[in-house]
């Protein structure tokens, strides 16, 4: 069996390279996975690539199988789909999802991989980590039937949230973004679209995922009295100013955070494995293919990542293809 592999590393911020890796033999309870696809989560991963993880968050932001330290050299990523080439009989030959960085082969504990449902293609399963984030956020937000909801920010997380919220009965839902081209994504997801200026007010819930202070301020403006903004943006080392004077107190508005690192307290009886299995099952929806906006070969990653980080490639999820 081939024990060699290739892995993508961020060296100094803003530069990447592919390194050769020698794999150890899997022991009992471990699996050897050959990668088929991985996904670049443009928000978090490009922030890591730019060196934007603040010192205070270096431990919190570690990926499950990260190597190296922020700001670099570091091997970072968490959206990998592959085939089990060695391991327990019940997993051998299965296509699985793993929270692993961009690497052509890897050895992990068998408990770290989740087999894909038969109705979810490997190409779409790279979205599992982001859909899992959306599942956790919806457990935090607890939307109700008939709610008026806006999702401000049509990136990967925002679109995942909108796709799941579109399944709630009786909701008035809008995806709000300053980029008019996001209307095509909204249409593919079956969701109404609006510019920030034209978004409908009096929302019970606004999910904010634009990673801009303008977007967060507009989210507050869209709330009804006693409404809630669920903050999904992660700003890294940037400081954000907010209009917490004006009518913030008199309207009794709420801003609350959500973070996928822990299972929502609203579902404390669920495990991380339960949450990921649910996310994978939800990926049976073909509409979610709209979140995959580009594809490249693995060996191209050192050239692709700077273009994703700069916005030259305006991606949601950029999918990485590995040699068969």
Protein backbone atom coordinates (compact mmCIF):
# COMPACT_ATOMS: atom_id res chain seq x y z
CA UNK A 1 0.00 0.00 0.00
CA UNK A 2 1.27 3.50 -0.90
CA UNK A 3 2.47 5.26 2.27
CA UNK A 4 3.31 8.59 0.63
CA UNK A 5 1.07 11.64 0.65
CA UNK A 6 1.05 15.32 -0.29
CA UNK A 7 -0.19 18.07 2.04
CA UNK A 8 -0.89 21.81 1.67
CA UNK A 9 0.77 24.10 4.22
CA UNK A 10 0.61 27.85 4.85
CA UNK A 11 4.16 29.07 5.35
CA UNK A 12 4.46 32.74 6.22
CA UNK A 13 0.99 34.29 5.88
CA UNK A 14 0.01 34.79 2.27
CA UNK A 15 2.12 31.95 0.87
CA UNK A 16 1.38 28.26 0.55
CA UNK A 17 3.31 25.17 -0.46
CA UNK A 18 2.73 21.46 -0.95
CA UNK A 19 4.91 19.13 1.10
CA UNK A 20 5.62 15.42 0.83
CA UNK A 21 4.41 13.36 3.78
CA UNK A 22 5.26 9.81 4.88
CA UNK A 23 2.39 8.02 6.59
CA UNK A 24 2.68 5.55 9.43
CA UNK A 25 0.89 2.21 9.20
CA UNK A 26 -2.62 2.47 10.66
CA UNK A 27 -2.93 0.64 13.98
CA UNK A 28 -6.00 -1.10 15.36
CA UNK A 29 -8.83 1.41 15.49
CA UNK A 30 -7.32 3.63 12.77
CA UNK A 31 -8.11 4.11 9.09
CA UNK A 32 -6.09 5.12 6.05
CA UNK A 33 -8.13 7.47 3.88
CA UNK A 34 -7.37 8.40 0.26
CA UNK A 35 -8.78 11.87 -0.40
CA UNK A 36 -11.19 12.38 -3.28
CA UNK A 37 -12.24 15.97 -2.60
CA UNK A 38 -11.69 18.72 -0.08
CA UNK A 39 -13.27 22.13 0.27
CA UNK A 40 -11.82 25.56 0.98
CA UNK A 41 -14.09 27.37 3.41
CA UNK A 42 -13.38 30.82 2.04
CA UNK A 43 -14.11 32.83 5.19
CA UNK A 44 -12.12 31.03 7.88
CA UNK A 45 -9.44 29.45 5.72
CA UNK A 46 -8.52 32.60 3.85
CA UNK A 47 -8.35 34.46 7.18
CA UNK A 48 -5.88 31.79 8.36
CA UNK A 49 -4.00 32.11 5.07
CA UNK A 50 -3.68 35.89 5.58
CA UNK A 51 -2.41 35.41 9.16
CA UNK A 52 -5.50 37.00 10.71
CA UNK A 53 -6.04 34.66 13.69
CA UNK A 54 -5.49 36.77 16.85
CA UNK A 55 -3.01 35.52 19.43
CA UNK A 56 -5.79 35.09 21.99
CA UNK A 57 -7.61 32.63 19.69
CA UNK A 58 -4.71 30.45 18.60
CA UNK A 59 -5.83 27.49 20.71
CA UNK A 60 -9.57 27.98 20.16
CA UNK A 61 -9.16 28.09 16.39
CA UNK A 62 -7.10 24.92 16.05
CA UNK A 63 -8.56 22.49 13.51
CA UNK A 64 -8.97 18.87 14.69
CA UNK A 65 -5.90 17.54 12.80
CA UNK A 66 -3.96 20.77 12.41
CA UNK A 67 -0.18 20.63 12.39
CA UNK A 68 2.02 23.62 13.09
CA UNK A 69 1.01 26.85 14.78
CA UNK A 70 -0.61 30.13 13.75
CA UNK A 71 0.33 32.25 11.91
CA UNK A 72 2.55 29.64 10.21
CA UNK A 73 3.87 27.29 9.11
CA UNK A 74 0.54 25.58 9.61
CA UNK A 75 -1.46 22.79 7.96
CA UNK A 76 -5.09 23.85 8.28
CA UNK A 77 -8.45 22.76 6.91
CA UNK A 78 -11.50 20.69 7.84
CA UNK A 79 -13.54 19.65 4.78
CA UNK A 80 -12.22 16.36 3.42
CA UNK A 81 -14.00 13.47 1.67
CA UNK A 82 -12.23 10.24 0.77
CA UNK A 83 -12.28 6.45 0.58
CA UNK A 84 -11.10 4.19 3.40
CA UNK A 85 -8.28 2.06 1.96
CA UNK A 86 -7.29 0.33 5.21
CA UNK A 87 -9.10 -0.09 8.49
CA UNK A 88 -11.93 -1.98 10.19
CA UNK A 89 -13.96 -4.18 7.86
CA UNK A 90 -17.15 -2.14 8.35
CA UNK A 91 -15.39 0.95 6.97
CA UNK A 92 -13.18 -0.60 4.31
CA UNK A 93 -14.06 0.84 0.90
CA UNK A 94 -16.58 3.30 2.34
CA UNK A 95 -16.66 6.95 1.28
CA UNK A 96 -16.31 9.10 4.39
CA UNK A 97 -16.18 12.69 5.58
CA UNK A 98 -13.41 13.85 7.93
CA UNK A 99 -12.44 17.18 9.50
CA UNK A 100 -8.97 16.96 7.98
CA UNK A 101 -6.74 19.52 6.19
CA UNK A 102 -5.96 19.40 2.46
CA UNK A 103 -3.91 16.20 2.08
CA UNK A 104 -3.96 13.40 -0.48
CA UNK A 105 -3.88 10.52 2.08
CA UNK A 106 -4.05 10.48 5.88
CA UNK A 107 -4.31 8.18 8.89
CA UNK A 108 -6.85 9.04 11.60
CA UNK A 109 -8.81 7.21 14.30
CA UNK A 110 -11.80 5.36 12.84
CA UNK A 111 -14.01 7.44 15.14
CA UNK A 112 -12.92 10.59 13.24
CA UNK A 113 -14.59 9.59 9.97
CA UNK A 114 -18.30 9.52 9.17
CA UNK A 115 -19.59 7.36 6.30
CA UNK A 116 -21.65 9.25 3.74
CA UNK A 117 -25.31 8.32 3.35
CA UNK A 118 -25.93 6.47 0.09
CA UNK A 119 -27.97 9.40 -1.27
CA UNK A 120 -25.22 12.03 -0.77
CA UNK A 121 -22.52 12.25 -3.49
CA UNK A 122 -18.90 12.69 -2.44
CA UNK A 123 -18.61 15.89 -4.47
CA UNK A 124 -21.32 17.59 -2.39
CA UNK A 125 -20.21 16.16 0.95
CA UNK A 126 -17.36 18.69 1.22
CA UNK A 127 -20.10 21.07 2.43
CA UNK A 128 -20.75 18.95 5.54
CA UNK A 129 -18.68 21.08 7.91
CA UNK A 130 -20.46 24.29 6.92
CA UNK A 131 -23.92 22.72 7.01
CA UNK A 132 -23.01 21.40 10.47
CA UNK A 133 -22.24 25.00 11.50
CA UNK A 134 -25.68 26.01 10.22
CA UNK A 135 -27.38 23.17 12.12
CA UNK A 136 -25.73 24.27 15.36
CA UNK A 137 -26.70 27.89 14.72
CA UNK A 138 -30.34 26.94 14.15
CA UNK A 139 -30.33 25.04 17.43
CA UNK A 140 -29.07 28.26 19.04
CA UNK A 141 -31.53 30.53 17.22
CA UNK A 142 -34.61 28.30 17.63
CA UNK A 143 -36.70 29.94 14.87
CA UNK A 144 -40.47 29.45 15.07
CA UNK A 145 -43.09 28.69 12.48
CA UNK A 146 -44.19 31.88 10.75
CA UNK A 147 -41.14 33.93 11.79
CA UNK A 148 -39.90 36.85 9.70
CA UNK A 149 -36.22 36.14 9.08
CA UNK A 150 -33.35 37.73 7.19
CA UNK A 151 -29.92 36.26 6.54
CA UNK A 152 -27.49 39.13 6.01
CA UNK A 153 -24.40 37.97 4.12
CA UNK A 154 -24.55 35.55 1.22
CA UNK A 155 -21.29 33.72 1.83
CA UNK A 156 -20.91 30.02 2.49
CA UNK A 157 -22.29 30.11 6.04
CA UNK A 158 -25.08 32.55 5.22
CA UNK A 159 -26.23 30.54 2.22
CA UNK A 160 -26.16 27.32 4.25
CA UNK A 161 -28.31 28.99 6.89
CA UNK A 162 -30.74 30.28 4.24
CA UNK A 163 -30.99 26.84 2.62
CA UNK A 164 -32.00 25.23 5.91
CA UNK A 165 -34.31 28.06 6.99
CA UNK A 166 -36.14 27.77 3.66
CA UNK A 167 -37.47 24.42 4.94
CA UNK A 168 -39.25 26.02 7.91
CA UNK A 169 -43.01 26.32 7.33
CA UNK A 170 -44.60 29.71 7.01
CA UNK A 171 -41.46 31.82 7.36
CA UNK A 172 -40.84 35.06 5.50
CA UNK A 173 -37.20 34.67 4.51
CA UNK A 174 -34.77 36.89 2.62
CA UNK A 175 -31.10 36.49 1.78
CA UNK A 176 -29.57 39.97 1.96
CA UNK A 177 -26.28 40.87 0.30
CA UNK A 178 -24.62 43.91 -1.26
CA UNK A 179 -23.43 41.77 -4.20
CA UNK A 180 -26.31 41.49 -6.70
CA UNK A 181 -24.80 38.32 -8.21
CA UNK A 182 -25.75 36.50 -5.00
CA UNK A 183 -29.35 36.68 -6.24
CA UNK A 184 -28.58 33.73 -8.52
CA UNK A 185 -27.49 31.66 -5.53
CA UNK A 186 -30.62 32.69 -3.62
CA UNK A 187 -32.77 31.65 -6.57
CA UNK A 188 -31.07 28.24 -6.71
CA UNK A 189 -31.78 27.80 -3.00
CA UNK A 190 -35.42 28.84 -3.41
CA UNK A 191 -34.97 31.96 -1.26
CA UNK A 192 -35.99 35.58 -1.88
CA UNK A 193 -33.09 38.03 -2.35
CA UNK A 194 -32.74 41.70 -1.41
CA UNK A 195 -30.04 44.36 -1.31
CA UNK A 196 -29.34 45.83 2.16
CA UNK A 197 -31.33 48.96 1.25
CA UNK A 198 -34.37 46.97 0.09
CA UNK A 199 -34.48 44.31 2.82
CA UNK A 200 -37.80 43.88 4.61
CA UNK A 201 -37.92 45.21 8.20
CA UNK A 202 -39.66 43.96 11.39
CA UNK A 203 -37.74 40.68 11.53
CA UNK A 204 -38.06 38.35 14.49
CA UNK A 205 -34.61 36.96 13.73
CA UNK A 206 -31.68 38.18 11.64
CA UNK A 207 -28.75 35.87 11.01
CA UNK A 208 -25.65 37.97 10.36
CA UNK A 209 -22.86 36.38 8.31
CA UNK A 210 -21.38 39.21 6.21
CA UNK A 211 -18.25 39.72 8.39
CA UNK A 212 -18.67 43.51 8.09
CA UNK A 213 -19.67 46.07 10.68
CA UNK A 214 -22.01 47.64 8.11
CA UNK A 215 -23.80 44.32 7.77
CA UNK A 216 -24.14 43.92 11.53
CA UNK A 217 -25.47 47.47 11.90
CA UNK A 218 -28.02 46.85 9.14
CA UNK A 219 -29.02 43.58 10.83
CA UNK A 220 -29.94 45.53 13.98
CA UNK A 221 -31.99 47.96 11.89
CA UNK A 222 -34.02 45.11 10.39
CA UNK A 223 -35.22 43.78 13.75
CA UNK A 224 -38.63 44.29 15.30
CA UNK A 225 -38.63 45.41 18.96
CA UNK A 226 -37.16 42.63 21.14
CA UNK A 227 -35.81 40.84 18.06
CA UNK A 228 -32.52 38.95 17.94
CA UNK A 229 -29.43 39.06 15.74
CA UNK A 230 -27.58 35.77 15.67
CA UNK A 231 -23.96 36.70 14.93
CA UNK A 232 -22.27 34.10 12.73
CA UNK A 233 -19.40 36.26 11.44
CA UNK A 234 -15.90 35.73 12.77
CA UNK A 235 -13.77 38.84 12.49
CA UNK A 236 -10.39 37.42 13.48
CA UNK A 237 -8.17 40.26 14.70
CA UNK A 238 -10.42 43.07 13.39
CA UNK A 239 -12.31 45.44 15.70
CA UNK A 240 -15.97 46.20 14.96
CA UNK A 241 -17.93 49.36 15.85
CA UNK A 242 -21.68 49.18 16.47
CA UNK A 243 -24.48 51.74 17.01
CA UNK A 244 -25.43 50.56 20.49
CA UNK A 245 -26.79 53.99 21.36
CA UNK A 246 -29.75 55.24 19.33
CA UNK A 247 -32.69 52.81 19.78
CA UNK A 248 -30.73 49.68 20.74
CA UNK A 249 -31.81 49.77 24.39
CA UNK A 250 -35.28 51.24 24.01
CA UNK A 251 -36.15 48.53 21.46
CA UNK A 252 -34.63 45.84 23.73
CA UNK A 253 -32.63 44.23 20.94
CA UNK A 254 -30.41 41.18 21.40
CA UNK A 255 -27.13 40.17 19.77
CA UNK A 256 -26.02 36.63 20.51
CA UNK A 257 -23.15 34.56 19.18
CA UNK A 258 -23.07 31.04 17.82
CA UNK A 259 -19.97 28.91 17.37
CA UNK A 260 -19.67 25.37 16.08
CA UNK A 261 -16.86 24.45 18.50
CA UNK A 262 -19.41 23.29 21.06
CA UNK A 263 -22.79 21.64 20.60
CA UNK A 264 -25.58 24.15 21.25
CA UNK A 265 -26.81 24.04 24.87
CA UNK A 266 -30.31 23.78 23.40
CA UNK A 267 -29.37 20.26 22.23
CA UNK A 268 -27.09 19.18 25.06
CA UNK A 269 -28.30 15.60 24.63
CA UNK A 270 -26.73 15.43 21.13
CA UNK A 271 -23.11 14.56 20.40
CA UNK A 272 -20.76 16.00 17.79
CA UNK A 273 -21.26 12.76 15.84
CA UNK A 274 -25.04 13.22 15.95
CA UNK A 275 -24.72 16.75 14.64
CA UNK A 276 -22.40 15.79 11.77
CA UNK A 277 -24.58 12.83 10.80
CA UNK A 278 -27.58 15.17 10.60
CA UNK A 279 -25.62 17.63 8.45
CA UNK A 280 -24.64 14.87 6.04
CA UNK A 281 -28.23 13.67 5.78
CA UNK A 282 -29.39 17.22 4.96
CA UNK A 283 -26.91 17.26 2.05
CA UNK A 284 -29.31 15.06 0.09
CA UNK A 285 -30.76 18.39 -1.11
CA UNK A 286 -29.41 19.02 -4.62
CA UNK A 287 -30.02 22.77 -4.22
CA UNK A 288 -26.93 22.92 -2.02
CA UNK A 289 -24.78 22.34 -5.09
CA UNK A 290 -25.18 26.10 -5.64
CA UNK A 291 -22.72 26.65 -2.77
CA UNK A 292 -19.87 25.05 -4.75
CA UNK A 293 -18.69 27.81 -7.05
CA UNK A 294 -15.36 26.55 -8.38
CA UNK A 295 -13.01 23.60 -8.60
CA UNK A 296 -9.26 23.12 -8.90
CA UNK A 297 -6.68 20.35 -8.79
CA UNK A 298 -4.90 19.82 -5.48
CA UNK A 299 -1.50 20.73 -6.91
CA UNK A 300 -2.89 24.16 -7.85
CA UNK A 301 -3.66 25.14 -4.23
CA UNK A 302 -0.54 27.31 -3.71
CA UNK A 303 -1.66 29.47 -6.67
CA UNK A 304 -5.40 29.33 -5.90
CA UNK A 305 -5.33 30.29 -2.20
CA UNK A 306 -3.94 33.83 -2.70
CA UNK A 307 -6.62 34.48 -5.33
CA UNK A 308 -9.34 33.23 -2.98
CA UNK A 309 -7.97 35.33 -0.12
CA UNK A 310 -7.83 38.50 -2.23
CA UNK A 311 -11.33 38.01 -3.66
CA UNK A 312 -10.02 37.66 -7.21
CA UNK A 313 -11.91 34.35 -7.18
CA UNK A 314 -15.29 35.30 -5.59
CA UNK A 315 -15.99 31.84 -4.20
CA UNK A 316 -18.42 30.39 -1.70
CA UNK A 317 -16.94 26.89 -1.37
CA UNK A 318 -14.04 26.17 -3.71
CA UNK A 319 -13.70 22.43 -4.23
CA UNK A 320 -10.32 20.70 -4.52
CA UNK A 321 -9.97 17.61 -6.71
CA UNK A 322 -7.42 14.86 -5.93
CA UNK A 323 -5.88 12.39 -8.41
CA UNK A 324 -7.86 9.16 -8.70
